[in-house]
Amino acid sequence: MVRIVASPRMASLTSLHLGGRALALATFESAADLETLPEAADRIGGRVAMLGGGTNILAADGELPVVLVRCGMDEAPAVIGEDGGLRLVRVGAGVKLPRLLVWCMKHGLSGLEGMAGVPGDVGGAVAGNAGAHGMDMGTVLRSVDVFSPDRGFRTLGREDVRCEYRFFGLRDGGKPWFAISGIVLALRPAEPEAIRTALRDNIERKLRVQPVRSWSAGCVFKNPPEGTSAGKLLDEAGFRGKRLGGMCFSEIHANFLVNEGKGSADAALDPFGAERRMGTVWDPIADGSEIVGILSSSKRNNRRPARNSYTSPQRRAPSSGGGSFFAHVKSALSWTLGLGLGAALLVGLGVGGLQLHRMATTSEFFAIKRVEIRGTTHFSREEVLKAANLQSGVNSLTVNIADVEQGLRDNPWVLSVAVKRRLPDAFEIRIRERIPAFWMLKDGVLYYADNRGQIIAPVNVGNFLSLPTLEILPGGEELLPQMDELSRAFQAAHLPVNMASVSLFRVSAAKGFEVFIENRNLVLCIAAEDWDANLRRLSLVLSDLARRGELKTAREVWAADGNVWVVEPENV
């Protein structure tokens, strides 16, 4: 049965944490589900759009006329055969990529080490032909199971698909859409320790040169074909650290567009034009001709970008070529036409229109009398009004909604905000706050962090909450995307221990997830690979121990590789 969630927020489904509401999210968990999916999508209406882990998606704001389709087929990886010394590994498209990498390491299968630190689902990695460190998914892909409304189910070999630089497609098409349900990879045997070392080295390098802990969708622009990296060109052009509307080009890697917690899709989609409309100066390009090639190319394809997507800036710095003259003529002509049009409009409005506007914006009838605030927990009404700069008695028609929303987004607790003007004299403010789940120590400062390990704000007396501490050990960074889902699963599991007594939550590549229960001096360990099945096994064992009165003697319970171990004090 296809699971359908109505009106999902794209901001909660993407690593950029941006985007409005889609019509629905449909998740299929079997081949039979896929066969019913076209009818369900037609019933809902809108365009079908495939969604993997949401780590390479920039979704627009507002209401989106799309039905999101996500693969829930998380068939665990398994060796199904050999071919020319290579092991053929089958894996469900819904399996998390980090989980697959850990499995490959444990089973001594090499070929995917370059994907270390790359988030998302396996199916999404194939659909985008993700890659790093000189490899991509196309280099190890042997076959792929796909479904399309016009062709049904097919298993396509490597020769039946196109795998190019950051591109994947079916040679015979898949109209109007196609879904990936399973993949077969060809991997070579290797020593597990060598694989572990390569994974660790690649992750450590990513941590040094990429903002992997930030809200981003990875590199924004494709590298030009000449071999120069887009990040290098952006850096040389002065984009590193440039900010607009809560979005910025990372100070660590210029080709990473980062949501600093207050961004919007509008700011992400049109940074150059928006900046100029705001009346500020942002013209980092010294020689626009050098960077046009990458700014006019998205990661998906090389077609001309749609309106409001990343394009070359509206204005380039002068150059010595003949084109500079025509650019100045065009600019002057645009100003002349603009002034002429403005004058004509003023004449058309007449004195009466101007007088009406003046009366409306000074009338006490529109003076602010009521502001309705919803969704706040961590800051007071007075703090909201101060940040919004909404003062009683101010004419509501003179208030800039965008300025109000930006003032509220500056608060680190605010995840999203929507402000509506209720004429004649009221405003409605809806705030969605970030929810603290942990304490996290960073650079000697104690912070609140959310379920994904993202820092919110420093802990202080005014906002004190008693929470467990989150500790991230080497290799644990790649597991952070699973934290939110794991935390919810922990709460829903109804374990026979008091979860309010959790003092420490540790994440590492070696042990996966460790939960320290303070009042019992107990540690619960869950291996990251197949963690949901491990959690179920852990729950069964803990319940059995509690029933027999033996839980009080346990000091460590560890679920991994399909087994559960119980460690008692005398065995430590």
Protein backbone atom coordinates (compact mmCIF):
# COMPACT_ATOMS: atom_id res chain seq x y z
CA MET A 1 0.00 0.00 0.00
CA VAL A 2 1.33 3.44 -0.95
CA ARG A 3 1.73 5.66 2.12
CA ILE A 4 0.54 9.20 1.34
CA VAL A 5 1.21 12.27 3.46
CA ALA A 6 -0.82 15.30 2.48
CA SER A 7 0.76 18.75 2.06
CA PRO A 8 4.33 17.96 3.22
CA ARG A 9 6.79 20.82 3.78
CA MET A 10 9.76 20.62 1.46
CA ALA A 11 11.82 22.40 4.11
CA SER A 12 11.48 19.33 6.34
CA LEU A 13 12.42 16.92 3.51
CA THR A 14 15.56 18.57 2.14
CA SER A 15 19.05 19.08 3.49
CA LEU A 16 18.85 22.79 2.58
CA HIS A 17 15.73 23.09 4.80
CA LEU A 18 14.06 25.22 2.13
CA GLY A 19 10.84 25.02 0.17
CA GLY A 20 7.09 25.34 0.48
CA ARG A 21 4.38 22.70 0.55
CA ALA A 22 3.90 20.02 -2.07
CA LEU A 23 0.52 18.45 -2.81
CA ALA A 24 1.49 15.12 -1.28
CA LEU A 25 4.37 12.74 -0.45
CA ALA A 26 3.79 9.19 -1.70
CA THR A 27 6.13 6.46 -0.43
CA PHE A 28 6.18 3.04 -2.10
CA GLU A 29 7.55 0.02 -0.23
CA SER A 30 7.01 -2.78 -2.76
CA ALA A 31 6.72 -3.46 -6.47
CA ALA A 32 2.95 -3.81 -6.05
CA ASP A 33 2.85 -0.28 -4.58
CA LEU A 34 4.55 1.08 -7.68
CA GLU A 35 1.89 -0.39 -9.96
CA THR A 36 -0.80 1.56 -8.11
CA LEU A 37 1.24 4.76 -7.91
CA PRO A 38 0.28 6.30 -11.30
CA GLU A 39 -3.42 6.08 -10.47
CA ALA A 40 -2.86 7.59 -7.02
CA ALA A 41 -0.80 10.43 -8.52
CA ASP A 42 -3.49 11.16 -11.13
CA ARG A 43 -6.10 11.29 -8.39
CA ILE A 44 -4.09 13.83 -6.41
CA GLY A 45 -3.17 15.88 -9.48
CA GLY A 46 -0.03 17.85 -10.15
CA ARG A 47 3.32 16.79 -11.57
CA VAL A 48 5.16 13.74 -10.22
CA ALA A 49 8.64 14.50 -8.87
CA MET A 50 10.99 11.83 -7.53
CA LEU A 51 12.58 12.45 -4.14
CA GLY A 52 15.46 10.52 -2.59
CA GLY A 53 17.07 11.67 0.62
CA GLY A 54 16.45 15.32 -0.30
CA THR A 55 20.16 16.12 -0.22
CA ASN A 56 20.38 17.53 -3.76
CA ILE A 57 17.14 19.49 -3.93
CA LEU A 58 16.43 23.21 -4.06
CA ALA A 59 12.66 23.62 -3.79
CA ALA A 60 10.78 26.87 -4.36
CA ASP A 61 8.76 28.62 -1.66
CA GLY A 62 4.96 28.67 -1.57
CA GLU A 63 2.46 26.07 -2.74
CA LEU A 64 4.09 23.60 -5.16
CA PRO A 65 1.88 21.67 -7.65
CA VAL A 66 3.90 18.44 -7.35
CA VAL A 67 3.37 14.97 -5.95
CA LEU A 68 6.62 13.82 -4.36
CA VAL A 69 7.43 10.12 -4.76
CA ARG A 70 9.95 8.48 -2.46
CA CYS A 71 11.27 4.91 -2.45
CA GLY A 72 10.75 3.05 0.81
CA MET A 73 12.23 -0.22 -0.50
CA ASP A 74 15.21 -0.51 1.83
CA GLU A 75 16.28 -4.07 0.98
CA ALA A 76 19.53 -4.68 2.85
CA PRO A 77 22.63 -5.07 0.68
CA ALA A 78 23.53 -8.66 -0.22
CA VAL A 79 26.00 -10.40 -2.51
CA ILE A 80 24.03 -12.15 -5.28
CA GLY A 81 26.85 -13.43 -7.51
CA GLU A 82 30.27 -12.92 -9.06
CA ASP A 83 31.50 -11.74 -12.44
CA GLY A 84 35.15 -11.62 -13.47
CA GLY A 85 36.45 -11.39 -9.92
CA LEU A 86 33.88 -8.75 -8.95
CA ARG A 87 31.14 -9.26 -6.38
CA LEU A 88 27.63 -8.34 -7.50
CA VAL A 89 25.77 -6.59 -4.67
CA ARG A 90 22.05 -5.92 -4.76
CA VAL A 91 20.60 -3.14 -2.59
CA GLY A 92 17.24 -1.39 -2.30
CA ALA A 93 17.02 2.18 -3.60
CA GLY A 94 15.72 3.42 -0.25
CA VAL A 95 18.83 2.33 1.69
CA LYS A 96 20.85 5.20 3.14
CA LEU A 97 24.19 5.59 1.38
CA PRO A 98 26.24 5.70 4.65
CA ARG A 99 24.64 2.41 5.67
CA LEU A 100 25.75 0.83 2.38
CA LEU A 101 29.31 2.09 2.87
CA VAL A 102 29.53 0.59 6.36
CA TRP A 103 28.23 -2.74 5.03
CA CYS A 104 30.80 -2.74 2.21
CA MET A 105 33.59 -2.05 4.70
CA LYS A 106 32.55 -4.93 6.97
CA HIS A 107 32.27 -7.33 4.02
CA GLY A 108 35.53 -6.27 2.35
CA LEU A 109 34.01 -4.84 -0.85
CA SER A 110 35.70 -1.85 -2.45
CA GLY A 111 34.63 0.68 -5.05
CA LEU A 112 32.47 3.14 -3.14
CA GLU A 113 35.08 4.70 -0.84
CA GLY A 114 34.86 7.96 -2.80
CA MET A 115 31.25 8.33 -1.62
CA ALA A 116 32.32 8.67 2.03
CA GLY A 117 30.56 11.64 3.56
CA VAL A 118 28.00 11.85 0.74
CA PRO A 119 24.50 11.81 2.29
CA GLY A 120 21.18 10.64 0.86
CA ASP A 121 19.70 7.39 -0.43
CA VAL A 122 21.32 4.90 -2.78
CA GLY A 123 18.60 5.47 -5.38
CA GLY A 124 19.14 9.22 -5.29
CA ALA A 125 22.90 8.75 -5.65
CA VAL A 126 22.31 6.71 -8.81
CA ALA A 127 19.66 9.11 -10.18
CA GLY A 128 22.08 12.03 -9.84
CA ASN A 129 25.15 9.94 -10.69
CA ALA A 130 26.73 11.26 -7.52
CA GLY A 131 30.49 11.07 -7.23
CA ALA A 132 33.62 12.28 -5.52
CA HIS A 133 37.35 11.56 -5.38
CA GLY A 134 37.55 10.49 -9.02
CA MET A 135 34.60 8.07 -9.05
CA ASP A 136 30.85 8.15 -9.53
CA MET A 137 28.00 5.68 -9.19
CA GLY A 138 28.11 4.94 -12.90
CA THR A 139 31.58 3.36 -12.52
CA VAL A 140 30.25 0.57 -10.28
CA LEU A 141 26.66 0.30 -11.55
CA ARG A 142 25.84 -3.07 -13.14
CA SER A 143 22.03 -2.90 -13.43
CA VAL A 144 19.07 -0.94 -12.14
CA ASP A 145 15.40 -1.82 -11.57
CA VAL A 146 13.10 0.93 -12.80
CA PHE A 147 9.38 1.51 -13.13
CA SER A 148 7.66 3.96 -15.46
CA PRO A 149 3.91 4.41 -16.06
CA ASP A 150 4.27 3.75 -19.79
CA ARG A 151 6.65 0.75 -19.65
CA GLY A 152 6.04 -0.86 -16.25
CA PHE A 153 8.89 -2.72 -14.52
CA ARG A 154 12.24 -3.24 -16.21
CA THR A 155 15.70 -4.31 -15.20
CA LEU A 156 18.19 -2.33 -17.26
CA GLY A 157 21.87 -3.16 -17.69
CA ARG A 158 24.64 -0.59 -17.63
CA GLU A 159 24.47 -0.37 -21.42
CA ASP A 160 20.78 0.63 -21.23
CA VAL A 161 21.37 3.79 -19.18
CA ARG A 162 23.37 6.98 -19.60
CA CYS A 163 25.75 7.80 -16.77
CA GLU A 164 27.57 11.05 -17.41
CA TYR A 165 29.03 13.77 -15.24
CA ARG A 166 26.30 14.41 -12.64
CA PHE A 167 23.70 12.96 -15.00
CA PHE A 168 21.70 9.72 -15.17
CA GLY A 169 19.06 8.80 -17.75
CA LEU A 170 17.38 5.92 -19.56
CA ARG A 171 18.47 5.48 -23.16
CA ASP A 172 14.93 4.55 -24.23
CA GLY A 173 13.29 7.14 -22.00
CA GLY A 174 10.82 6.83 -19.17
CA LYS A 175 7.80 8.99 -19.74
CA PRO A 176 6.35 10.89 -18.06
CA TRP A 177 8.51 9.80 -15.10
CA PHE A 178 10.41 6.79 -13.80
CA ALA A 179 11.29 5.46 -10.35
CA ILE A 180 14.33 3.44 -9.26
CA SER A 181 13.53 0.59 -6.88
CA GLY A 182 16.71 -1.51 -6.76
CA ILE A 183 20.34 -1.45 -7.88
CA VAL A 184 23.06 -4.02 -8.54
CA LEU A 185 26.66 -2.84 -8.05
CA ALA A 186 29.89 -4.52 -9.13
CA LEU A 187 32.49 -4.23 -6.33
CA ARG A 188 35.95 -5.72 -5.94
CA PRO A 189 37.16 -7.65 -2.87
CA ALA A 190 39.60 -5.82 -0.61
CA GLU A 191 40.84 -5.80 2.95
CA PRO A 192 38.26 -4.27 5.32
CA GLU A 193 40.95 -2.28 7.13
CA ALA A 194 42.12 -0.72 3.85
CA ILE A 195 38.52 0.26 3.05
CA ARG A 196 38.09 1.68 6.56
CA THR A 197 41.25 3.77 6.14
CA ALA A 198 40.11 5.12 2.77
CA LEU A 199 36.67 5.99 4.15
CA ARG A 200 38.18 7.73 7.15
CA ASP A 201 40.66 9.69 5.02
CA ASN A 202 37.93 10.84 2.63
CA ILE A 203 35.65 11.89 5.48
CA GLU A 204 38.44 13.78 7.23
CA ARG A 205 39.28 15.57 3.99
CA LYS A 206 35.62 16.54 3.53
CA LEU A 207 35.52 17.91 7.05
CA ARG A 208 38.54 20.08 6.28
CA VAL A 209 37.43 21.49 2.93
CA GLN A 210 33.61 21.28 2.88
CA PRO A 211 30.87 22.59 5.21
CA VAL A 212 29.46 19.10 5.77
CA ARG A 213 27.72 20.05 9.03
CA SER A 214 25.86 22.98 7.48
CA TRP A 215 22.46 23.03 5.81
CA SER A 216 23.43 22.67 2.18
CA ALA A 217 22.82 20.59 -0.92
CA GLY A 218 26.47 20.02 -1.73
CA CYS A 219 28.13 21.75 -4.66
CA VAL A 220 25.72 23.99 -6.53
CA PHE A 221 27.35 24.36 -9.95
CA LYS A 222 28.86 21.81 -12.29
CA ASN A 223 32.55 22.03 -13.10
CA PRO A 224 33.21 23.40 -16.58
CA PRO A 225 34.56 20.88 -19.11
CA GLU A 226 37.98 22.51 -19.30
CA GLY A 227 38.95 20.95 -15.97
CA THR A 228 38.86 24.03 -13.77
CA SER A 229 36.65 23.55 -10.73
CA ALA A 230 33.56 25.68 -10.30
CA GLY A 231 34.49 26.21 -6.66
CA LYS A 232 37.86 27.68 -7.66
CA LEU A 233 36.27 30.06 -10.16
CA LEU A 234 33.66 31.16 -7.62
CA ASP A 235 36.39 31.69 -5.05
CA GLU A 236 38.51 33.76 -7.41
CA ALA A 237 35.44 35.80 -8.34
CA GLY A 238 34.88 36.73 -4.71
CA PHE A 239 31.81 34.65 -3.91
CA ARG A 240 33.26 32.96 -0.82
CA GLY A 241 31.30 34.14 2.25
CA LYS A 242 28.86 36.33 0.27
CA ARG A 243 25.47 36.50 2.01
CA LEU A 244 21.92 37.28 0.98
CA GLY A 245 18.66 36.79 2.85
CA GLY A 246 19.95 34.12 5.22
CA MET A 247 21.79 32.26 2.42
CA CYS A 248 25.52 32.37 1.81
CA PHE A 249 28.27 30.89 -0.28
CA SER A 250 30.28 28.93 2.27
CA GLU A 251 33.47 30.42 3.68
CA ILE A 252 34.94 26.92 3.60
CA HIS A 253 34.06 26.03 -0.02
CA ALA A 254 32.70 28.69 -2.37
CA ASN A 255 30.59 26.24 -4.42
CA PHE A 256 28.47 25.30 -1.39
CA LEU A 257 25.32 27.33 -0.99
CA VAL A 258 24.43 27.24 2.73
CA ASN A 259 21.21 28.01 4.55
CA GLU A 260 22.30 29.72 7.77
CA GLY A 261 18.94 28.91 9.35
CA LYS A 262 17.06 31.96 8.13
CA GLY A 263 17.19 31.54 4.37
CA SER A 264 14.48 31.28 1.74
CA ALA A 265 14.26 29.63 -1.64
CA ASP A 266 13.74 33.02 -3.28
CA ALA A 267 17.08 34.22 -1.93
CA ALA A 268 18.75 30.97 -3.04
CA LEU A 269 17.28 31.08 -6.54
CA ASP A 270 18.04 34.68 -7.40
CA PRO A 271 20.91 36.10 -5.35
CA PHE A 272 22.20 38.65 -7.83
CA GLY A 273 18.95 40.28 -8.87
CA ALA A 274 17.51 40.19 -5.36
CA GLU A 275 20.61 41.82 -3.91
CA ARG A 276 20.36 44.69 -6.34
CA ARG A 277 16.65 45.09 -5.76
CA MET A 278 17.45 45.53 -2.07
CA GLY A 279 19.64 48.45 -3.02
CA THR A 280 22.88 47.01 -1.72
CA VAL A 281 26.10 46.37 -3.57
CA TRP A 282 27.05 42.81 -4.42
CA ASP A 283 29.08 42.62 -7.57
CA PRO A 284 31.86 40.10 -6.87
CA ILE A 285 32.69 39.32 -10.49
CA ALA A 286 35.76 41.03 -11.80
CA ASP A 287 35.50 39.49 -15.25
CA GLY A 288 32.08 37.98 -15.85
CA SER A 289 33.10 36.23 -19.06
CA GLU A 290 35.18 33.77 -17.04
CA ILE A 291 32.34 32.47 -14.91
CA VAL A 292 29.28 32.60 -17.17
CA GLY A 293 29.75 28.94 -18.15
CA ILE A 294 29.28 27.54 -14.67
CA LEU A 295 26.63 29.99 -13.53
CA SER A 296 24.41 29.06 -16.45
CA SER A 297 24.64 25.33 -15.75
CA SER A 298 22.82 23.43 -13.01
CA LYS A 299 23.92 20.05 -11.59
CA ARG A 300 21.10 18.29 -13.37
CA ASN A 301 21.85 19.21 -16.97
CA ASN A 302 23.37 21.77 -19.27
CA ARG A 303 20.17 23.24 -20.63
CA ARG A 304 19.41 26.92 -20.34
CA PRO A 305 18.31 27.56 -16.76
CA ALA A 306 14.76 28.53 -15.99
CA ARG A 307 13.81 32.00 -14.83
CA ASN A 308 14.93 32.72 -11.25
CA SER A 309 17.52 29.91 -11.25
CA TYR A 310 21.19 30.67 -10.83
CA THR A 311 22.42 32.55 -13.87
CA SER A 312 25.16 34.93 -14.66
CA PRO A 313 24.84 38.32 -12.93
CA GLN A 314 22.78 41.07 -14.53
CA ARG A 315 25.80 43.35 -14.85
CA ARG A 316 29.44 42.61 -15.54
CA ALA A 317 32.50 44.65 -14.83
CA PRO A 318 33.76 46.60 -17.85
CA SER A 319 36.33 44.92 -20.05
CA SER A 320 38.53 46.14 -22.84
CA GLY A 321 36.55 44.32 -25.54
CA GLY A 322 34.04 45.84 -27.92
CA GLY A 323 31.21 44.21 -26.04
CA SER A 324 31.71 46.69 -23.20
CA PHE A 325 30.43 49.56 -25.39
CA PHE A 326 27.19 47.77 -26.24
CA ALA A 327 26.74 46.86 -22.60
CA HIS A 328 26.90 50.53 -21.62
CA VAL A 329 24.49 51.49 -24.42
CA LYS A 330 22.06 48.79 -23.29
CA SER A 331 22.31 49.97 -19.67
CA ALA A 332 21.73 53.61 -20.62
CA LEU A 333 18.80 52.68 -22.83
CA SER A 334 17.25 50.65 -20.04
CA TRP A 335 17.47 53.59 -17.65
CA THR A 336 15.99 55.95 -20.24
CA LEU A 337 13.06 53.64 -20.98
CA GLY A 338 12.52 53.07 -17.28
CA LEU A 339 12.37 56.79 -16.51
CA GLY A 340 10.04 57.41 -19.43
CA LEU A 341 7.69 54.64 -18.33
CA GLY A 342 7.75 55.92 -14.74
CA ALA A 343 6.83 59.42 -15.88
CA ALA A 344 3.95 58.09 -17.97
CA LEU A 345 2.63 56.11 -15.02
CA LEU A 346 2.77 59.12 -12.73
CA VAL A 347 0.78 61.13 -15.23
CA GLY A 348 -1.75 58.34 -15.43
CA LEU A 349 -2.17 58.17 -11.70
CA GLY A 350 -2.67 61.87 -11.36
CA VAL A 351 -2.82 64.01 -8.30
CA GLY A 352 -5.93 62.25 -7.01
CA GLY A 353 -4.15 58.88 -6.77
CA LEU A 354 -1.20 60.36 -4.90
CA GLN A 355 -3.54 62.13 -2.51
CA LEU A 356 -5.43 58.88 -1.84
CA HIS A 357 -2.18 57.07 -1.06
CA ARG A 358 -1.10 59.84 1.30
CA MET A 359 -4.41 59.73 3.16
CA ALA A 360 -4.33 55.92 3.53
CA THR A 361 -0.78 55.76 4.86
CA THR A 362 -1.43 58.46 7.46
CA SER A 363 -4.94 57.51 8.54
CA GLU A 364 -5.54 56.27 12.08
CA PHE A 365 -8.00 53.78 10.59
CA PHE A 366 -4.97 51.64 9.56
CA ALA A 367 -3.03 52.12 12.82
CA ILE A 368 -1.78 48.78 14.25
CA LYS A 369 -3.98 47.69 17.16
CA ARG A 370 -3.52 43.90 17.28
CA VAL A 371 -0.68 41.44 16.57
CA GLU A 372 -1.46 37.73 16.84
CA ILE A 373 1.60 35.54 17.52
CA ARG A 374 1.57 31.76 17.22
CA GLY A 375 4.17 29.04 17.70
CA THR A 376 6.61 30.68 20.13
CA THR A 377 8.11 28.95 23.14
CA HIS A 378 11.66 30.19 23.58
CA PHE A 379 11.16 33.96 23.38
CA SER A 380 8.48 36.29 24.68
CA ARG A 381 5.84 38.32 22.93
CA GLU A 382 7.83 41.46 23.68
CA GLU A 383 10.92 39.94 22.04
CA VAL A 384 8.91 38.98 18.96
CA LEU A 385 7.44 42.47 18.59
CA LYS A 386 10.86 44.06 19.03
CA ALA A 387 12.45 41.76 16.42
CA ALA A 388 9.53 42.37 14.04
CA ASN A 389 9.64 46.12 14.69
CA LEU A 390 5.84 46.21 14.91
CA GLN A 391 4.79 49.07 17.14
CA SER A 392 1.27 49.87 18.22
CA GLY A 393 -0.12 52.89 16.37
CA VAL A 394 2.14 52.55 13.29
CA ASN A 395 0.22 52.62 10.02
CA SER A 396 -0.09 49.00 8.87
CA LEU A 397 0.16 49.98 5.20
CA THR A 398 3.68 51.32 5.72
CA VAL A 399 5.01 48.01 7.12
CA ASN A 400 7.27 45.98 4.81
CA ILE A 401 6.37 42.30 5.35
CA ALA A 402 9.75 41.11 4.06
CA ASP A 403 11.57 43.30 6.61
CA VAL A 404 9.39 41.94 9.43
CA GLU A 405 10.08 38.32 8.45
CA GLN A 406 13.81 38.95 8.09
CA GLY A 407 13.95 40.56 11.53
CA LEU A 408 12.33 37.48 13.04
CA ARG A 409 14.59 35.05 11.14
CA ASP A 410 17.60 36.72 12.76
CA ASN A 411 16.66 34.94 15.98
CA PRO A 412 18.53 31.60 16.05
CA TRP A 413 15.48 29.78 17.46
CA VAL A 414 13.34 30.63 14.42
CA LEU A 415 13.21 27.90 11.77
CA SER A 416 10.56 29.53 9.59
CA VAL A 417 8.18 32.45 9.83
CA ALA A 418 5.12 33.69 7.93
CA VAL A 419 3.63 37.16 8.44
CA LYS A 420 0.22 38.20 7.14
CA ARG A 421 -1.32 41.66 7.11
CA ARG A 422 -4.94 41.65 8.32
CA LEU A 423 -6.42 44.95 7.22
CA PRO A 424 -7.21 47.38 8.52
CA ASP A 425 -5.23 47.19 11.78
CA ALA A 426 -3.81 43.72 12.54
CA PHE A 427 -0.97 41.34 11.75
CA GLU A 428 -0.68 37.57 12.14
CA ILE A 429 2.76 36.07 12.86
CA ARG A 430 3.26 32.31 12.63
CA ILE A 431 6.62 31.04 13.84
CA ARG A 432 8.05 27.56 13.69
CA GLU A 433 10.82 27.19 16.21
CA ARG A 434 13.80 24.90 16.13
CA ILE A 435 13.43 22.20 18.77
CA PRO A 436 16.42 21.57 21.05
CA ALA A 437 17.22 17.93 21.68
CA PHE A 438 20.78 17.98 23.06
CA TRP A 439 23.55 19.97 24.63
CA MET A 440 26.67 20.13 22.48
CA LEU A 441 30.09 21.42 23.47
CA LYS A 442 31.94 23.23 20.68
CA ASP A 443 35.08 25.36 21.04
CA GLY A 444 34.56 25.49 24.80
CA VAL A 445 30.98 26.82 24.50
CA LEU A 446 27.88 24.82 25.46
CA TYR A 447 25.13 25.02 22.82
CA TYR A 448 21.65 23.69 22.27
CA ALA A 449 21.47 21.41 19.22
CA ASP A 450 18.54 19.86 17.35
CA ASN A 451 17.93 16.19 16.53
CA ARG A 452 20.31 16.44 13.55
CA GLY A 453 23.15 17.77 15.65
CA GLN A 454 22.75 21.27 14.21
CA ILE A 455 23.67 24.03 16.67
CA ILE A 456 20.86 26.42 17.65
CA ALA A 457 22.03 28.84 20.34
CA PRO A 458 24.29 28.99 23.41
CA VAL A 459 22.93 27.66 26.70
CA ASN A 460 22.37 30.40 29.26
CA VAL A 461 20.34 31.07 32.37
CA GLY A 462 17.56 32.78 30.45
CA ASN A 463 16.84 29.82 28.17
CA PHE A 464 18.03 26.91 30.33
CA LEU A 465 16.73 23.44 29.47
CA SER A 466 18.06 20.20 30.94
CA LEU A 467 18.90 17.96 27.99
CA PRO A 468 21.22 15.03 27.25
CA THR A 469 24.65 15.82 25.83
CA LEU A 470 25.46 14.95 22.22
CA GLU A 471 29.04 13.82 21.60
CA ILE A 472 30.27 13.28 18.03
CA LEU A 473 33.34 11.07 17.70
CA PRO A 474 35.39 10.50 14.47
CA GLY A 475 33.21 9.19 11.69
CA GLY A 476 30.01 10.12 13.51
CA GLU A 477 29.36 13.14 11.29
CA GLU A 478 28.06 10.98 8.46
CA LEU A 479 25.48 9.43 10.81
CA LEU A 480 23.96 12.76 11.86
CA PRO A 481 21.29 12.75 9.08
CA GLN A 482 19.84 9.62 10.75
CA MET A 483 19.64 11.25 14.18
CA ASP A 484 16.20 12.77 13.83
CA GLU A 485 14.56 9.54 12.70
CA LEU A 486 16.44 7.50 15.29
CA SER A 487 15.43 9.83 18.13
CA ARG A 488 11.76 9.56 17.18
CA ALA A 489 12.07 5.78 16.90
CA PHE A 490 13.62 5.63 20.39
CA GLN A 491 10.66 7.49 21.86
CA ALA A 492 8.17 5.31 19.98
CA ALA A 493 9.85 2.03 21.00
CA HIS A 494 8.61 2.27 24.63
CA LEU A 495 11.78 0.72 26.03
CA PRO A 496 11.64 -0.50 29.66
CA VAL A 497 14.02 2.30 30.70
CA ASN A 498 13.29 5.91 31.62
CA MET A 499 14.33 7.90 28.53
CA ALA A 500 14.18 11.05 30.65
CA SER A 501 17.29 9.71 32.39
CA VAL A 502 19.42 9.74 29.22
CA SER A 503 22.56 11.73 30.04
CA LEU A 504 24.67 11.25 26.91
CA PHE A 505 24.07 10.42 23.28
CA ARG A 506 27.30 9.45 21.48
CA VAL A 507 27.70 8.96 17.72
CA SER A 508 30.73 7.27 16.16
CA ALA A 509 31.76 5.16 13.18
CA ALA A 510 33.03 2.42 15.49
CA LYS A 511 29.90 1.81 17.58
CA GLY A 512 27.17 3.71 15.82
CA PHE A 513 24.76 5.16 18.39
CA GLU A 514 25.37 4.90 22.15
CA VAL A 515 22.78 5.98 24.70
CA PHE A 516 23.86 6.39 28.34
CA ILE A 517 21.07 5.91 30.93
CA GLU A 518 22.22 7.78 34.03
CA ASN A 519 19.92 6.35 36.72
CA ARG A 520 20.75 2.74 35.78
CA ASN A 521 24.43 3.11 34.88
CA LEU A 522 23.43 1.47 31.62
CA VAL A 523 24.69 1.94 28.04
CA LEU A 524 22.58 0.99 25.01
CA CYS A 525 24.55 0.53 21.76
CA ILE A 526 22.95 0.35 18.33
CA ALA A 527 25.06 -0.29 15.23
CA ALA A 528 24.41 2.26 12.49
CA GLU A 529 24.02 -0.37 9.81
CA ASP A 530 20.39 -1.49 9.75
CA TRP A 531 19.77 0.53 12.91
CA ASP A 532 15.98 0.21 12.79
CA ALA A 533 16.18 -3.61 12.88
CA ASN A 534 18.83 -3.38 15.59
CA LEU A 535 16.54 -1.15 17.65
CA ARG A 536 13.70 -3.67 17.37
CA ARG A 537 15.99 -6.48 18.55
CA LEU A 538 17.26 -4.30 21.39
CA SER A 539 13.71 -3.54 22.49
CA LEU A 540 12.80 -7.24 22.60
CA VAL A 541 15.90 -8.15 24.64
CA LEU A 542 15.42 -5.27 27.10
CA SER A 543 11.76 -6.23 27.61
CA ASP A 544 12.76 -9.84 28.24
CA LEU A 545 15.47 -8.80 30.70
CA ALA A 546 13.00 -6.55 32.53
CA ARG A 547 10.40 -9.33 32.70
CA ARG A 548 12.95 -11.67 34.27
CA GLY A 549 14.27 -9.01 36.66
CA GLU A 550 17.74 -9.11 35.09
CA LEU A 551 17.82 -5.67 33.52
CA LYS A 552 19.14 -4.07 36.73
CA THR A 553 22.35 -6.11 36.47
CA ALA A 554 23.09 -5.21 32.84
CA ARG A 555 25.68 -2.52 32.19
CA GLU A 556 25.79 -2.57 28.39
CA VAL A 557 23.38 -3.93 25.78
CA TRP A 558 24.71 -3.86 22.23
CA ALA A 559 22.69 -4.64 19.08
CA ALA A 560 24.68 -5.22 15.87
CA ASP A 561 24.94 -7.63 12.94
CA GLY A 562 21.62 -9.30 13.76
CA ASN A 563 22.67 -10.11 17.35
CA VAL A 564 22.26 -8.56 20.80
CA TRP A 565 24.97 -8.82 23.47
CA VAL A 566 24.38 -8.18 27.17
CA VAL A 567 27.41 -7.20 29.27
CA GLU A 568 27.27 -7.54 33.06
CA PRO A 569 29.71 -6.03 35.61
CA GLU A 570 31.72 -9.19 36.17
CA ASN A 571 32.34 -9.53 32.44
CA VAL A 572 33.52 -5.98 31.87
